[in-house]
Protein backbone atom coordinates (compact mmCIF):
# COMPACT_ATOMS: atom_id res chain seq x y z
CA MET A 1 -1.12 23.83 14.06
CA ALA A 2 0.15 23.67 17.63
CA GLU A 3 2.97 25.86 18.86
CA ASP A 4 5.49 23.02 18.52
CA GLY A 5 4.61 22.61 14.84
CA THR A 6 2.66 19.40 15.22
CA ALA A 7 -0.95 18.96 14.19
CA LYS A 8 -3.74 19.25 16.73
CA TYR A 9 -5.05 15.70 16.55
CA ASP A 10 -7.80 16.37 19.08
CA ARG A 11 -9.30 18.65 16.43
CA LEU A 12 -8.48 16.60 13.34
CA LEU A 13 -9.53 13.15 14.52
CA ASP A 14 -13.07 12.12 15.45
CA ALA A 15 -14.15 9.83 18.30
CA GLU A 16 -14.37 6.74 16.06
CA THR A 17 -10.82 7.21 14.85
CA TRP A 18 -9.51 7.70 18.38
CA ALA A 19 -11.26 4.48 19.40
CA PHE A 20 -9.50 2.67 16.55
CA ILE A 21 -6.13 4.14 17.59
CA ARG A 22 -6.66 3.03 21.19
CA ALA A 23 -7.77 -0.45 20.08
CA THR A 24 -4.63 -0.78 17.97
CA GLY A 25 -2.35 0.50 20.71
CA ALA A 26 -3.79 -1.96 23.22
CA HIS A 27 -1.99 -4.76 21.40
CA TYR A 28 1.44 -3.14 21.77
CA PRO A 29 3.31 -3.53 25.07
CA PRO A 30 5.43 -0.68 26.47
CA GLY A 31 8.72 -0.44 24.61
CA ALA A 32 7.41 -2.41 21.64
CA ALA A 33 9.58 -0.39 19.25
CA ASP A 34 12.68 -1.77 20.98
CA LEU A 35 11.65 -5.42 20.70
CA PRO A 36 13.58 -7.76 18.39
CA VAL A 37 12.09 -7.96 14.90
CA ALA A 38 10.65 -11.45 15.49
CA ALA A 39 8.80 -10.16 18.56
CA GLN A 40 7.57 -7.10 16.66
CA ARG A 41 6.18 -9.39 13.98
CA ALA A 42 4.39 -11.47 16.58
CA VAL A 43 2.78 -8.35 18.08
CA TYR A 44 1.75 -7.06 14.65
CA ASP A 45 0.30 -10.43 13.66
CA ARG A 46 -1.76 -10.63 16.87
CA MET A 47 -3.07 -7.13 16.27
CA CYS A 48 -4.04 -7.97 12.68
CA ARG A 49 -5.83 -11.13 13.81
CA ALA A 50 -7.83 -9.08 16.29
CA PHE A 51 -9.00 -6.76 13.50
CA HIS A 52 -9.68 -9.56 10.98
CA ALA A 53 -13.26 -9.09 9.81
CA GLY A 54 -13.67 -12.49 8.18
CA ARG A 55 -13.89 -13.31 4.50
CA PRO A 56 -17.06 -12.52 2.57
CA ALA A 57 -19.13 -15.48 1.44
CA GLY A 58 -18.51 -16.71 -2.08
CA VAL A 59 -14.77 -16.02 -2.24
CA ASP A 60 -12.60 -19.08 -2.80
CA VAL A 61 -9.10 -18.82 -1.35
CA GLU A 62 -6.05 -20.87 -2.29
CA ASP A 63 -2.41 -20.62 -1.26
CA GLY A 64 0.27 -21.28 -3.83
CA ALA A 65 3.49 -19.90 -5.26
CA ILE A 66 4.88 -18.41 -8.44
CA PRO A 67 8.42 -18.64 -9.85
CA GLY A 68 10.64 -16.00 -8.30
CA PRO A 69 14.16 -14.65 -8.68
CA GLY A 70 17.00 -17.11 -8.47
CA GLY A 71 14.68 -20.07 -8.80
CA ARG A 72 13.00 -19.49 -5.42
CA ALA A 73 9.23 -19.58 -5.12
CA VAL A 74 7.27 -16.47 -4.10
CA PRO A 75 4.24 -17.43 -1.97
CA VAL A 76 0.91 -15.98 -3.08
CA ARG A 77 -2.65 -16.27 -1.87
CA ARG A 78 -5.36 -16.17 -4.54
CA TYR A 79 -8.90 -14.92 -3.94
CA ARG A 80 -11.46 -15.91 -6.56
CA PRO A 81 -14.90 -14.29 -6.24
CA ALA A 82 -18.03 -16.06 -7.38
CA GLY A 83 -18.53 -15.41 -11.08
CA GLY A 84 -15.02 -14.04 -11.46
CA ALA A 85 -13.79 -16.64 -13.94
CA GLY A 86 -14.46 -14.32 -16.87
CA ALA A 87 -13.17 -11.16 -15.19
CA PRO A 88 -11.19 -8.89 -17.52
CA ALA A 89 -8.47 -8.13 -14.96
CA GLU A 90 -6.61 -9.45 -11.94
CA VAL A 91 -5.55 -7.45 -8.89
CA LEU A 92 -2.01 -7.93 -7.62
CA TYR A 93 -1.86 -6.79 -3.98
CA PHE A 94 1.26 -5.92 -1.95
CA HIS A 95 0.71 -5.70 1.81
CA GLY A 96 1.96 -2.97 4.10
CA GLY A 97 4.19 -3.35 7.15
CA GLY A 98 7.29 -1.25 6.57
CA PHE A 99 8.98 -4.05 4.55
CA VAL A 100 9.58 -5.69 7.95
CA VAL A 101 6.26 -7.06 9.25
CA GLY A 102 3.09 -8.42 7.68
CA GLY A 103 2.32 -11.17 5.21
CA LEU A 104 -0.50 -13.14 3.65
CA ASP A 105 -2.52 -13.27 6.88
CA SER A 106 -2.16 -9.62 7.90
CA HIS A 107 -4.18 -8.36 4.94
CA ASP A 108 -6.24 -11.48 4.27
CA ASP A 109 -9.68 -9.99 4.91
CA ILE A 110 -8.84 -6.80 3.00
CA CYS A 111 -7.90 -8.79 -0.10
CA ALA A 112 -10.97 -11.02 0.23
CA GLU A 113 -13.23 -7.98 0.43
CA ILE A 114 -11.59 -6.38 -2.59
CA ALA A 115 -12.24 -9.56 -4.57
CA ALA A 116 -15.86 -9.79 -3.43
CA ARG A 117 -16.66 -6.13 -4.05
CA THR A 118 -14.90 -5.72 -7.40
CA GLY A 119 -15.66 -9.17 -8.82
CA LEU A 120 -11.97 -9.42 -9.76
CA PRO A 121 -9.57 -12.16 -8.70
CA VAL A 122 -6.90 -10.94 -6.29
CA ALA A 123 -3.41 -12.34 -5.76
CA SER A 124 -1.67 -11.26 -2.54
CA VAL A 125 2.13 -11.45 -2.68
CA ASP A 126 4.26 -12.63 0.25
CA TYR A 127 7.45 -10.80 -0.74
CA ARG A 128 10.63 -11.19 1.29
CA LEU A 129 11.07 -9.00 4.36
CA ALA A 130 13.95 -7.12 5.96
CA PRO A 131 16.24 -7.42 7.80
CA GLU A 132 16.76 -11.02 6.69
CA HIS A 133 16.32 -9.95 3.07
CA VAL A 134 17.32 -6.38 2.34
CA PHE A 135 16.51 -4.30 -0.72
CA PRO A 136 16.20 -5.16 -3.59
CA ALA A 137 14.81 -8.57 -2.53
CA ASP A 138 11.32 -7.16 -1.95
CA PHE A 139 11.28 -5.42 -5.33
CA GLU A 140 12.56 -8.50 -7.13
CA ASP A 141 9.71 -10.59 -5.69
CA ALA A 142 7.17 -7.91 -6.60
CA MET A 143 8.47 -7.70 -10.15
CA ALA A 144 8.43 -11.49 -10.52
CA ALA A 145 4.83 -11.54 -9.33
CA PHE A 146 3.84 -8.86 -11.82
CA ARG A 147 5.56 -10.58 -14.75
CA HIS A 148 3.83 -13.83 -13.86
CA ALA A 149 0.43 -12.16 -13.57
CA ALA A 150 0.91 -10.23 -16.81
CA SER A 151 1.55 -13.48 -18.66
CA GLY A 152 -1.88 -14.81 -17.72
CA GLY A 153 -3.88 -12.99 -20.36
CA ARG A 154 -5.74 -10.57 -18.06
CA ARG A 155 -5.09 -6.91 -17.40
CA VAL A 156 -3.26 -6.43 -14.10
CA VAL A 157 -4.18 -3.75 -11.57
CA LEU A 158 -1.44 -3.20 -9.02
CA ALA A 159 -2.54 -2.24 -5.52
CA GLY A 160 -0.95 -1.92 -2.11
CA ASP A 161 -0.92 -0.02 1.14
CA SER A 162 2.03 1.69 2.84
CA ALA A 163 5.15 -0.34 1.94
CA GLY A 164 3.03 -2.27 -0.53
CA GLY A 165 2.06 0.97 -2.23
CA CYS A 166 5.75 1.72 -2.64
CA LEU A 167 6.31 -1.67 -4.28
CA ALA A 168 3.37 -1.19 -6.65
CA ALA A 169 4.72 2.22 -7.69
CA ALA A 170 8.24 0.82 -8.07
CA VAL A 171 6.98 -1.91 -10.41
CA CYS A 172 4.94 0.61 -12.41
CA GLY A 173 8.00 2.80 -12.74
CA ALA A 174 10.22 -0.09 -13.80
CA VAL A 175 7.88 -1.13 -16.62
CA ARG A 176 6.79 2.35 -17.71
CA GLY A 177 6.55 2.68 -21.44
CA GLU A 178 5.99 -1.02 -22.00
CA ALA A 179 2.96 -1.84 -24.10
CA GLY A 180 0.31 -4.52 -24.35
CA ALA A 181 0.20 -7.31 -21.79
CA CYS A 182 3.47 -6.08 -20.27
CA ALA A 183 1.85 -2.82 -19.10
CA PRO A 184 -0.23 -2.58 -15.90
CA ALA A 185 -3.83 -1.51 -16.33
CA GLY A 186 -3.28 0.92 -13.46
CA GLN A 187 -2.31 1.17 -9.83
CA VAL A 188 -4.10 2.08 -6.61
CA LEU A 189 -1.84 3.21 -3.76
CA VAL A 190 -3.11 3.59 -0.20
CA TYR A 191 -1.04 5.83 2.14
CA PRO A 192 2.17 4.89 0.28
CA GLY A 193 5.68 5.81 1.33
CA LEU A 194 7.43 6.82 -1.88
CA GLY A 195 10.71 8.25 -0.63
CA GLY A 196 10.11 11.96 -1.14
CA GLU A 197 13.37 13.91 -1.19
CA PRO A 198 13.59 16.46 0.22
CA PRO A 199 11.12 15.07 2.76
CA PRO A 200 7.62 16.47 2.33
CA GLU A 201 6.27 19.03 4.79
CA SER A 202 3.96 16.34 6.15
CA LEU A 203 6.93 14.46 7.63
CA ALA A 204 7.62 17.32 10.04
CA LEU A 205 4.00 18.32 10.54
CA HIS A 206 2.99 14.77 11.48
CA ALA A 207 6.29 13.53 12.90
CA ASN A 208 4.52 12.38 16.07
CA ALA A 209 1.24 11.29 14.51
CA PRO A 210 -0.74 8.44 16.02
CA MET A 211 -0.13 5.04 14.35
CA LEU A 212 3.03 6.05 12.45
CA GLY A 213 5.70 8.63 13.25
CA ALA A 214 8.86 9.91 11.62
CA ALA A 215 11.02 7.71 13.87
CA ASP A 216 9.10 4.61 12.75
CA ILE A 217 9.65 5.51 9.11
CA ALA A 218 13.38 5.97 9.66
CA PHE A 219 13.60 2.63 11.52
CA TYR A 220 11.89 0.65 8.77
CA ARG A 221 13.80 2.43 6.02
CA ARG A 222 17.12 1.70 7.73
CA LEU A 223 16.34 -2.01 8.09
CA ARG A 224 15.25 -2.27 4.46
CA ALA A 225 18.49 -0.58 3.37
CA GLY A 226 20.65 -3.08 5.25
CA GLY A 227 21.33 -0.87 8.25
CA ASN A 228 22.28 2.21 6.25
CA ALA A 229 20.84 5.45 7.57
CA ALA A 230 20.91 7.00 4.09
CA ALA A 231 18.29 5.45 1.81
CA PRO A 232 19.48 4.68 -1.72
CA ARG A 233 18.29 7.13 -4.36
CA ASP A 234 17.03 4.28 -6.48
CA PRO A 235 13.49 4.42 -7.94
CA ARG A 236 13.01 0.75 -7.05
CA PHE A 237 13.53 1.79 -3.40
CA ALA A 238 11.96 5.25 -3.59
CA PRO A 239 9.72 5.76 -6.66
CA LEU A 240 9.92 9.55 -6.28
CA ALA A 241 13.65 9.29 -7.04
CA ALA A 242 12.93 8.42 -10.69
CA ASP A 243 14.37 10.68 -13.36
CA GLY A 244 11.12 10.60 -15.32
CA PHE A 245 7.45 9.82 -14.84
CA ALA A 246 6.13 9.63 -18.40
CA GLY A 247 4.44 6.40 -19.38
CA ILE A 248 3.40 5.32 -15.87
CA ALA A 249 0.05 3.54 -15.73
CA PRO A 250 -3.09 5.41 -14.59
CA THR A 251 -2.76 5.97 -10.86
CA VAL A 252 -5.12 6.65 -7.97
CA VAL A 253 -3.52 7.58 -4.65
CA PHE A 254 -5.21 7.65 -1.24
CA SER A 255 -3.40 9.58 1.50
CA ALA A 256 -4.38 9.96 5.14
CA GLU A 257 -4.45 13.54 6.39
CA CYS A 258 -2.77 12.72 9.72
CA ASP A 259 0.12 10.72 8.30
CA PRO A 260 3.75 11.81 7.88
CA LEU A 261 3.74 10.08 4.48
CA SER A 262 0.79 12.06 3.11
CA GLY A 263 3.01 14.49 1.19
CA ASP A 264 4.52 11.65 -0.84
CA GLY A 265 1.14 10.92 -2.39
CA ARG A 266 0.63 14.52 -3.51
CA ALA A 267 4.18 14.80 -4.89
CA TYR A 268 3.74 11.58 -6.86
CA ARG A 269 0.35 12.69 -8.23
CA ASP A 270 1.82 16.03 -9.29
CA ARG A 271 4.81 14.48 -11.08
CA LEU A 272 2.66 11.99 -12.98
CA ARG A 273 0.32 14.75 -14.10
CA ALA A 274 3.22 17.00 -15.09
CA ALA A 275 4.52 14.16 -17.28
CA GLY A 276 1.16 13.90 -19.04
CA GLY A 277 -0.13 10.90 -17.12
CA ARG A 278 -3.46 10.14 -15.53
CA ALA A 279 -3.30 10.53 -11.77
CA ALA A 280 -5.87 11.30 -9.08
CA LEU A 281 -5.36 11.91 -5.38
CA PHE A 282 -7.79 11.54 -2.48
CA GLU A 283 -6.45 13.14 0.70
CA GLU A 284 -8.69 11.51 3.27
CA GLU A 285 -9.69 13.97 5.96
CA GLY A 286 -9.18 13.02 9.59
CA LEU A 287 -7.65 9.61 8.92
CA VAL A 288 -4.40 8.03 10.06
CA HIS A 289 -1.90 5.60 8.63
CA GLY A 290 -3.25 2.04 8.69
CA TYR A 291 -6.90 3.09 8.43
CA LEU A 292 -7.84 0.16 6.17
CA ARG A 293 -8.17 -1.91 9.35
CA ALA A 294 -10.77 0.61 10.55
CA ARG A 295 -13.01 0.24 7.49
CA HIS A 296 -15.77 -1.50 9.50
CA THR A 297 -15.69 0.73 12.58
CA VAL A 298 -14.84 4.25 11.38
CA ARG A 299 -17.19 6.00 8.95
CA ARG A 300 -14.42 7.97 7.23
CA ALA A 301 -12.39 4.80 6.72
CA ARG A 302 -15.42 2.92 5.42
CA GLU A 303 -16.11 5.65 2.87
CA SER A 304 -12.47 5.75 1.81
CA PHE A 305 -12.35 1.98 1.38
CA ALA A 306 -15.41 2.23 -0.87
CA ARG A 307 -13.47 4.72 -3.01
CA VAL A 308 -10.44 2.38 -3.06
CA VAL A 309 -12.62 -0.50 -4.24
CA ALA A 310 -14.27 1.69 -6.87
CA ALA A 311 -10.87 2.79 -8.19
CA ILE A 312 -9.62 -0.80 -8.49
CA ALA A 313 -12.82 -1.87 -10.23
CA ALA A 314 -12.69 1.05 -12.69
CA LEU A 315 -9.07 0.42 -13.63
CA GLY A 316 -9.87 -3.26 -14.04
CA ARG A 317 -12.53 -2.32 -16.57
CA GLY A 318 -10.11 -0.04 -18.37
CA GLU A 319 -12.01 3.07 -17.31
CA TRP A 320 -10.80 6.43 -15.95
CA PRO A 321 -13.72 8.13 -14.17
CA TYR A 322 -11.70 11.03 -12.70
CA PRO A 323 -11.84 14.43 -14.39
CA PRO A 324 -8.73 16.56 -13.71
CA GLU A 325 -10.41 18.66 -11.06
CA ALA A 326 -12.28 15.81 -9.35
CA ALA A 327 -9.76 14.60 -6.81
CA GLY A 328 -7.09 16.42 -4.89
């Protein structure tokens, strides 16, 4: 740890990861954080297009919609891998982006690769974004998508990164204790922000981390909460605010070591285990927030993505391959 209390990223991050950080930063003009939201979205979308790795062969993709709250439609993009018609489960994916940026295109190749590598159909959910639609609009769309998927006769594995990991955990918490088709088969959360309170040590330790800092988290949280600096202590907003964790579906969490949100993943894993649930944590060494986009250029990210895919596939099969001491 450096004298100012921040991590020594020159020691923690390897050359490949620094190259990814620089490649990402090259898409952001000076003062990007002060741009209007529409301009921030445009910058983010251009960056995501630059990192798009293409869709694997054999994955059919179709855009559509499902019934949402208040009669509105929730856009979804479905990925159907070759031979996936008889798959036992479906993956419901919620994209990251701080509840402010991102959409069906930003995580298109990630979802296509998950479908190809697991053999499971994937549905990516285009939930409403802040500040036009403040909480609980995002949660309501996520819940509608889960209820629709659960009615289809397959097991449902919830997955998401960053803000999407928060939504997956919020849905799992809202339906905890439900049985049969109403219960998720499990959830896989990648560097999720879960609203730890008090804030985890990682928030101070990595307040100025590359890719995501404490100020960014506060900005996105404030927009999602309708301009309020104080986030609501509502488990639909912050899953760690729940008053109980029993009955939550089997959970695998992936945290990045150099991420202010990394402590949320450990706290969530610990509370699920304390409540008698199945929960595993992989704290990925030397990685930063947003590393899924580096899965083809950074060895550590590639290896982590393989573990993410394996976790989704295992939960889809109804398997739990993690002994208590195996992860985290």
